[in-house]
Amino acid sequence: MITALYASLLAFLMLWLAIQVIKQRRKSRVAHADGGIEELQIARSAHGNAVDYIPIVLILMALIEYNGANPLLIHGLGIVFVVGRVVHAKAILGRDLKGRVLGMKLTFAVLFALAVFNLIYLPFERLW
């Protein structure tokens, strides 16, 4: 299953982002929330943003794969999404607005494309 490859890569990204949050918590000695510490707020934002977008994209990717989409299409979308998420995560942590915008553009493009392709590949004859 192609989606499993991208789910694994994105899980590593989410783990890395979680570790960034843990590092900031330890550094600032904050057990809950963000304690008003800007660096911790930024790390939590980067992790939270990944958690917001990664699951729905993987679900949509798995569905088009299940419904018979071309493997090259799935890989193409997966690669663009992973690149977009990495660019976005690094940009948030590095306070790089241009990188954040690029990362979100790539993320939104893949999310939109997957929504459209799911409608295209949807087996309407099996819905009823």
N, C-alpha and C. Protein backbone atom coordinates (compact mmCIF):
# COMPACT_ATOMS: atom_id res chain seq x y z
N MET A 1 0.84 -1.18 0.00
CA MET A 1 0.00 0.00 0.00
C MET A 1 0.89 1.24 0.00
N ILE A 2 0.72 2.05 -1.01
CA ILE A 2 1.55 3.25 -1.19
C ILE A 2 1.37 4.22 -0.04
N THR A 3 0.14 4.38 0.41
CA THR A 3 -0.15 5.34 1.48
C THR A 3 0.66 5.04 2.74
N ALA A 4 0.94 3.78 2.99
CA ALA A 4 1.71 3.39 4.18
C ALA A 4 3.10 4.02 4.17
N LEU A 5 3.69 4.14 3.00
CA LEU A 5 5.01 4.78 2.89
C LEU A 5 4.93 6.23 3.38
N TYR A 6 3.95 6.97 2.88
CA TYR A 6 3.83 8.38 3.24
C TYR A 6 3.36 8.55 4.68
N ALA A 7 2.52 7.64 5.16
CA ALA A 7 2.11 7.68 6.56
C ALA A 7 3.32 7.51 7.47
N SER A 8 4.22 6.61 7.10
CA SER A 8 5.42 6.38 7.90
C SER A 8 6.34 7.60 7.88
N LEU A 9 6.57 8.16 6.71
CA LEU A 9 7.42 9.35 6.62
C LEU A 9 6.84 10.51 7.42
N LEU A 10 5.55 10.69 7.33
CA LEU A 10 4.90 11.78 8.06
C LEU A 10 4.85 11.51 9.56
N ALA A 11 4.80 10.24 9.94
CA ALA A 11 4.86 9.91 11.37
C ALA A 11 6.22 10.32 11.93
N PHE A 12 7.28 10.10 11.16
CA PHE A 12 8.61 10.55 11.60
C PHE A 12 8.64 12.08 11.77
N LEU A 13 8.02 12.79 10.85
CA LEU A 13 7.95 14.24 10.97
C LEU A 13 7.20 14.64 12.24
N MET A 14 6.07 13.99 12.49
CA MET A 14 5.30 14.32 13.69
C MET A 14 6.07 13.99 14.97
N LEU A 15 6.82 12.91 14.96
CA LEU A 15 7.65 12.58 16.11
C LEU A 15 8.72 13.65 16.33
N TRP A 16 9.36 14.06 15.25
CA TRP A 16 10.38 15.11 15.35
C TRP A 16 9.77 16.40 15.91
N LEU A 17 8.59 16.76 15.44
CA LEU A 17 7.93 17.97 15.94
C LEU A 17 7.55 17.82 17.42
N ALA A 18 7.11 16.64 17.81
CA ALA A 18 6.78 16.40 19.22
C ALA A 18 8.03 16.53 20.09
N ILE A 19 9.15 16.06 19.58
CA ILE A 19 10.41 16.19 20.32
C ILE A 19 10.80 17.65 20.47
N GLN A 20 10.50 18.47 19.47
CA GLN A 20 10.79 19.91 19.58
C GLN A 20 9.97 20.53 20.71
N VAL A 21 8.72 20.09 20.86
CA VAL A 21 7.87 20.57 21.94
C VAL A 21 8.45 20.13 23.29
N ILE A 22 8.83 18.87 23.38
CA ILE A 22 9.40 18.34 24.62
C ILE A 22 10.67 19.09 25.01
N LYS A 23 11.52 19.36 24.03
CA LYS A 23 12.75 20.11 24.31
C LYS A 23 12.43 21.49 24.90
N GLN A 24 11.45 22.15 24.32
CA GLN A 24 11.09 23.49 24.81
C GLN A 24 10.45 23.41 26.20
N ARG A 25 9.67 22.38 26.44
CA ARG A 25 9.08 22.20 27.77
C ARG A 25 10.16 22.01 28.82
N ARG A 26 11.14 21.17 28.51
CA ARG A 26 12.23 20.92 29.46
C ARG A 26 13.07 22.18 29.68
N LYS A 27 13.39 22.83 28.59
CA LYS A 27 14.20 24.05 28.67
C LYS A 27 13.53 25.11 29.54
N SER A 28 12.22 25.26 29.36
CA SER A 28 11.48 26.31 30.06
C SER A 28 10.82 25.83 31.35
N ARG A 29 10.93 24.52 31.61
CA ARG A 29 10.32 23.91 32.80
C ARG A 29 8.81 24.19 32.85
N VAL A 30 8.14 23.91 31.74
CA VAL A 30 6.70 24.08 31.63
C VAL A 30 6.07 22.71 31.44
N ALA A 31 5.20 22.33 32.36
CA ALA A 31 4.58 21.00 32.30
C ALA A 31 3.32 20.98 31.44
N HIS A 32 2.57 22.07 31.42
CA HIS A 32 1.29 22.10 30.71
C HIS A 32 1.17 23.38 29.89
N ALA A 33 0.39 23.29 28.85
CA ALA A 33 0.14 24.43 27.95
C ALA A 33 1.46 25.02 27.48
N ASP A 34 1.58 26.33 27.43
CA ASP A 34 2.82 26.93 26.91
C ASP A 34 3.51 27.86 27.90
N GLY A 35 2.88 28.10 29.04
CA GLY A 35 3.50 28.94 30.06
C GLY A 35 3.83 30.34 29.60
N GLY A 36 3.26 30.77 28.48
CA GLY A 36 3.57 32.09 27.95
C GLY A 36 4.94 32.19 27.32
N ILE A 37 5.60 31.06 27.11
CA ILE A 37 6.95 31.04 26.54
C ILE A 37 6.83 30.99 25.02
N GLU A 38 7.36 32.00 24.36
CA GLU A 38 7.20 32.11 22.91
C GLU A 38 7.78 30.91 22.15
N GLU A 39 8.95 30.45 22.52
CA GLU A 39 9.56 29.32 21.82
C GLU A 39 8.70 28.06 21.94
N LEU A 40 8.10 27.87 23.11
CA LEU A 40 7.21 26.72 23.29
C LEU A 40 5.92 26.91 22.49
N GLN A 41 5.42 28.12 22.43
CA GLN A 41 4.23 28.40 21.62
C GLN A 41 4.50 28.07 20.15
N ILE A 42 5.67 28.43 19.68
CA ILE A 42 6.03 28.17 18.29
C ILE A 42 6.15 26.67 18.03
N ALA A 43 6.81 25.96 18.93
CA ALA A 43 6.96 24.51 18.76
C ALA A 43 5.60 23.82 18.78
N ARG A 44 4.74 24.25 19.69
CA ARG A 44 3.39 23.66 19.77
C ARG A 44 2.59 23.98 18.50
N SER A 45 2.78 25.17 17.97
CA SER A 45 2.08 25.56 16.74
C SER A 45 2.51 24.68 15.57
N ALA A 46 3.81 24.44 15.45
CA ALA A 46 4.32 23.60 14.37
C ALA A 46 3.77 22.19 14.48
N HIS A 47 3.77 21.63 15.68
CA HIS A 47 3.26 20.28 15.89
C HIS A 47 1.75 20.23 15.65
N GLY A 48 1.04 21.20 16.20
CA GLY A 48 -0.41 21.23 16.04
C GLY A 48 -0.85 21.36 14.60
N ASN A 49 -0.12 22.16 13.85
CA ASN A 49 -0.47 22.33 12.44
C ASN A 49 -0.31 21.01 11.68
N ALA A 50 0.74 20.28 11.98
CA ALA A 50 0.94 18.98 11.34
C ALA A 50 -0.20 18.03 11.70
N VAL A 51 -0.58 18.04 12.96
CA VAL A 51 -1.66 17.16 13.42
C VAL A 51 -2.98 17.54 12.77
N ASP A 52 -3.16 18.80 12.42
CA ASP A 52 -4.39 19.25 11.76
C ASP A 52 -4.52 18.71 10.33
N TYR A 53 -3.43 18.68 9.59
CA TYR A 53 -3.50 18.38 8.16
C TYR A 53 -3.11 16.95 7.78
N ILE A 54 -2.17 16.37 8.46
CA ILE A 54 -1.67 15.05 8.04
C ILE A 54 -2.74 13.97 8.05
N PRO A 55 -3.56 13.83 9.09
CA PRO A 55 -4.53 12.73 9.08
C PRO A 55 -5.51 12.76 7.92
N ILE A 56 -6.12 13.91 7.62
CA ILE A 56 -7.11 13.96 6.55
C ILE A 56 -6.47 13.69 5.20
N VAL A 57 -5.27 14.18 4.99
CA VAL A 57 -4.60 13.91 3.71
C VAL A 57 -4.31 12.42 3.57
N LEU A 58 -3.85 11.78 4.63
CA LEU A 58 -3.58 10.33 4.55
C LEU A 58 -4.86 9.52 4.32
N ILE A 59 -5.94 9.95 4.95
CA ILE A 59 -7.22 9.26 4.72
C ILE A 59 -7.63 9.39 3.26
N LEU A 60 -7.58 10.61 2.73
CA LEU A 60 -7.96 10.82 1.33
C LEU A 60 -7.02 10.07 0.38
N MET A 61 -5.73 10.03 0.71
CA MET A 61 -4.77 9.31 -0.11
C MET A 61 -5.07 7.81 -0.11
N ALA A 62 -5.36 7.27 1.05
CA ALA A 62 -5.68 5.84 1.14
C ALA A 62 -6.95 5.52 0.36
N LEU A 63 -7.90 6.43 0.38
CA LEU A 63 -9.15 6.18 -0.34
C LEU A 63 -8.96 6.18 -1.85
N ILE A 64 -8.17 7.12 -2.39
CA ILE A 64 -7.98 7.07 -3.85
C ILE A 64 -7.14 5.85 -4.23
N GLU A 65 -6.24 5.46 -3.35
CA GLU A 65 -5.48 4.24 -3.62
C GLU A 65 -6.42 3.03 -3.63
N TYR A 66 -7.27 2.94 -2.64
CA TYR A 66 -8.23 1.84 -2.56
C TYR A 66 -9.15 1.81 -3.78
N ASN A 67 -9.50 2.99 -4.28
CA ASN A 67 -10.42 3.06 -5.42
C ASN A 67 -9.72 2.98 -6.77
N GLY A 68 -8.42 2.67 -6.77
CA GLY A 68 -7.75 2.34 -8.02
C GLY A 68 -7.03 3.47 -8.74
N ALA A 69 -6.68 4.53 -8.05
CA ALA A 69 -5.95 5.62 -8.71
C ALA A 69 -4.58 5.13 -9.17
N ASN A 70 -4.06 5.80 -10.16
CA ASN A 70 -2.74 5.49 -10.71
C ASN A 70 -1.68 5.65 -9.62
N PRO A 71 -0.82 4.65 -9.43
CA PRO A 71 0.23 4.75 -8.40
C PRO A 71 1.13 5.98 -8.56
N LEU A 72 1.42 6.39 -9.79
CA LEU A 72 2.25 7.58 -9.99
C LEU A 72 1.57 8.83 -9.48
N LEU A 73 0.26 8.91 -9.64
CA LEU A 73 -0.51 10.03 -9.11
C LEU A 73 -0.41 10.06 -7.59
N ILE A 74 -0.57 8.91 -6.98
CA ILE A 74 -0.52 8.83 -5.52
C ILE A 74 0.87 9.21 -5.02
N HIS A 75 1.91 8.69 -5.65
CA HIS A 75 3.27 9.04 -5.26
C HIS A 75 3.54 10.53 -5.46
N GLY A 76 3.08 11.07 -6.57
CA GLY A 76 3.29 12.49 -6.83
C GLY A 76 2.66 13.35 -5.75
N LEU A 77 1.42 13.04 -5.41
CA LEU A 77 0.74 13.80 -4.35
C LEU A 77 1.43 13.59 -3.01
N GLY A 78 1.85 12.38 -2.75
CA GLY A 78 2.53 12.09 -1.49
C GLY A 78 3.84 12.85 -1.35
N ILE A 79 4.60 12.88 -2.42
CA ILE A 79 5.89 13.59 -2.39
C ILE A 79 5.67 15.08 -2.17
N VAL A 80 4.74 15.66 -2.92
CA VAL A 80 4.47 17.10 -2.76
C VAL A 80 4.00 17.40 -1.34
N PHE A 81 3.15 16.53 -0.80
CA PHE A 81 2.65 16.76 0.55
C PHE A 81 3.76 16.68 1.60
N VAL A 82 4.59 15.66 1.50
CA VAL A 82 5.69 15.52 2.46
C VAL A 82 6.62 16.73 2.37
N VAL A 83 6.97 17.13 1.17
CA VAL A 83 7.83 18.31 1.00
C VAL A 83 7.15 19.54 1.61
N GLY A 84 5.88 19.72 1.33
CA GLY A 84 5.15 20.86 1.87
C GLY A 84 5.11 20.87 3.39
N ARG A 85 4.92 19.72 3.98
CA ARG A 85 4.86 19.63 5.45
C ARG A 85 6.22 19.87 6.08
N VAL A 86 7.28 19.36 5.46
CA VAL A 86 8.63 19.59 5.99
C VAL A 86 8.99 21.06 5.87
N VAL A 87 8.73 21.64 4.72
CA VAL A 87 9.02 23.07 4.51
C VAL A 87 8.25 23.90 5.53
N HIS A 88 6.98 23.59 5.71
CA HIS A 88 6.15 24.36 6.64
C HIS A 88 6.65 24.22 8.07
N ALA A 89 6.95 23.00 8.50
CA ALA A 89 7.40 22.77 9.87
C ALA A 89 8.71 23.50 10.15
N LYS A 90 9.66 23.37 9.24
CA LYS A 90 10.95 24.05 9.44
C LYS A 90 10.78 25.57 9.42
N ALA A 91 9.87 26.05 8.59
CA ALA A 91 9.64 27.49 8.50
C ALA A 91 8.99 28.03 9.77
N ILE A 92 8.05 27.32 10.34
CA ILE A 92 7.45 27.78 11.59
C ILE A 92 8.53 27.86 12.66
N LEU A 93 9.30 26.79 12.80
CA LEU A 93 10.33 26.77 13.84
C LEU A 93 11.41 27.81 13.58
N GLY A 94 11.67 28.11 12.32
CA GLY A 94 12.69 29.10 11.97
C GLY A 94 12.15 30.49 11.76
N ARG A 95 10.85 30.67 12.02
CA ARG A 95 10.20 31.98 11.87
C ARG A 95 10.39 32.57 10.47
N ASP A 96 10.17 31.72 9.48
CA ASP A 96 10.34 32.09 8.08
C ASP A 96 8.96 32.14 7.42
N LEU A 97 8.41 33.33 7.27
CA LEU A 97 7.06 33.48 6.74
C LEU A 97 6.94 32.95 5.31
N LYS A 98 7.93 33.22 4.47
CA LYS A 98 7.86 32.74 3.08
C LYS A 98 7.81 31.22 3.02
N GLY A 99 8.58 30.56 3.85
CA GLY A 99 8.56 29.10 3.90
C GLY A 99 7.23 28.58 4.39
N ARG A 100 6.65 29.25 5.37
CA ARG A 100 5.33 28.85 5.87
C ARG A 100 4.30 28.95 4.76
N VAL A 101 4.33 30.05 4.03
CA VAL A 101 3.36 30.25 2.94
C VAL A 101 3.54 29.18 1.88
N LEU A 102 4.78 28.90 1.49
CA LEU A 102 5.04 27.86 0.49
C LEU A 102 4.55 26.51 1.01
N GLY A 103 4.86 26.19 2.24
CA GLY A 103 4.43 24.92 2.81
C GLY A 103 2.92 24.77 2.82
N MET A 104 2.21 25.84 3.15
CA MET A 104 0.75 25.77 3.16
C MET A 104 0.18 25.72 1.76
N LYS A 105 0.81 26.40 0.81
CA LYS A 105 0.33 26.32 -0.58
C LYS A 105 0.43 24.88 -1.08
N LEU A 106 1.55 24.22 -0.80
CA LEU A 106 1.72 22.82 -1.21
C LEU A 106 0.71 21.93 -0.50
N THR A 107 0.53 22.17 0.79
CA THR A 107 -0.44 21.39 1.56
C THR A 107 -1.85 21.56 1.01
N PHE A 108 -2.27 22.80 0.80
CA PHE A 108 -3.61 23.05 0.29
C PHE A 108 -3.80 22.50 -1.12
N ALA A 109 -2.77 22.59 -1.95
CA ALA A 109 -2.86 22.05 -3.31
C ALA A 109 -3.12 20.55 -3.27
N VAL A 110 -2.38 19.84 -2.42
CA VAL A 110 -2.57 18.39 -2.33
C VAL A 110 -3.93 18.06 -1.72
N LEU A 111 -4.32 18.77 -0.69
CA LEU A 111 -5.62 18.53 -0.06
C LEU A 111 -6.75 18.74 -1.07
N PHE A 112 -6.67 19.82 -1.82
CA PHE A 112 -7.69 20.10 -2.84
C PHE A 112 -7.68 19.01 -3.93
N ALA A 113 -6.48 18.68 -4.41
CA ALA A 113 -6.38 17.66 -5.46
C ALA A 113 -6.94 16.32 -4.98
N LEU A 114 -6.63 15.95 -3.76
CA LEU A 114 -7.14 14.68 -3.24
C LEU A 114 -8.66 14.69 -3.11
N ALA A 115 -9.22 15.81 -2.72
CA ALA A 115 -10.68 15.91 -2.64
C ALA A 115 -11.30 15.72 -4.02
N VAL A 116 -10.71 16.36 -5.02
CA VAL A 116 -11.21 16.23 -6.39
C VAL A 116 -11.01 14.81 -6.91
N PHE A 117 -9.82 14.26 -6.74
CA PHE A 117 -9.55 12.91 -7.24
C PHE A 117 -10.41 11.86 -6.53
N ASN A 118 -10.74 12.08 -5.28
CA ASN A 118 -11.63 11.14 -4.61
C ASN A 118 -13.00 11.15 -5.25
N LEU A 119 -13.46 12.30 -5.70
CA LEU A 119 -14.74 12.35 -6.40
C LEU A 119 -14.63 11.69 -7.77
N ILE A 120 -13.51 11.88 -8.44
CA ILE A 120 -13.31 11.27 -9.76
C ILE A 120 -13.24 9.75 -9.65
N TYR A 121 -12.50 9.24 -8.68
CA TYR A 121 -12.31 7.80 -8.53
C TYR A 121 -13.40 7.12 -7.71
N LEU A 122 -14.34 7.88 -7.20
CA LEU A 122 -15.41 7.32 -6.38
C LEU A 122 -16.23 6.36 -7.22
N PRO A 123 -16.42 5.14 -6.75
CA PRO A 123 -17.22 4.17 -7.50
C PRO A 123 -18.72 4.42 -7.25
N PHE A 124 -19.27 5.38 -7.99
CA PHE A 124 -20.65 5.79 -7.77
C PHE A 124 -21.63 4.62 -7.89
N GLU A 125 -21.32 3.65 -8.74
CA GLU A 125 -22.22 2.50 -8.93
C GLU A 125 -22.33 1.64 -7.68
N ARG A 126 -21.35 1.75 -6.79
CA ARG A 126 -21.38 0.94 -5.55
C ARG A 126 -21.90 1.73 -4.35
N LEU A 127 -22.33 2.97 -4.55
CA LEU A 127 -22.81 3.77 -3.43
C LEU A 127 -24.21 3.36 -2.97
N TRP A 128 -24.98 2.78 -3.85
CA TRP A 128 -26.37 2.46 -3.52
C TRP A 128 -26.54 1.00 -3.43
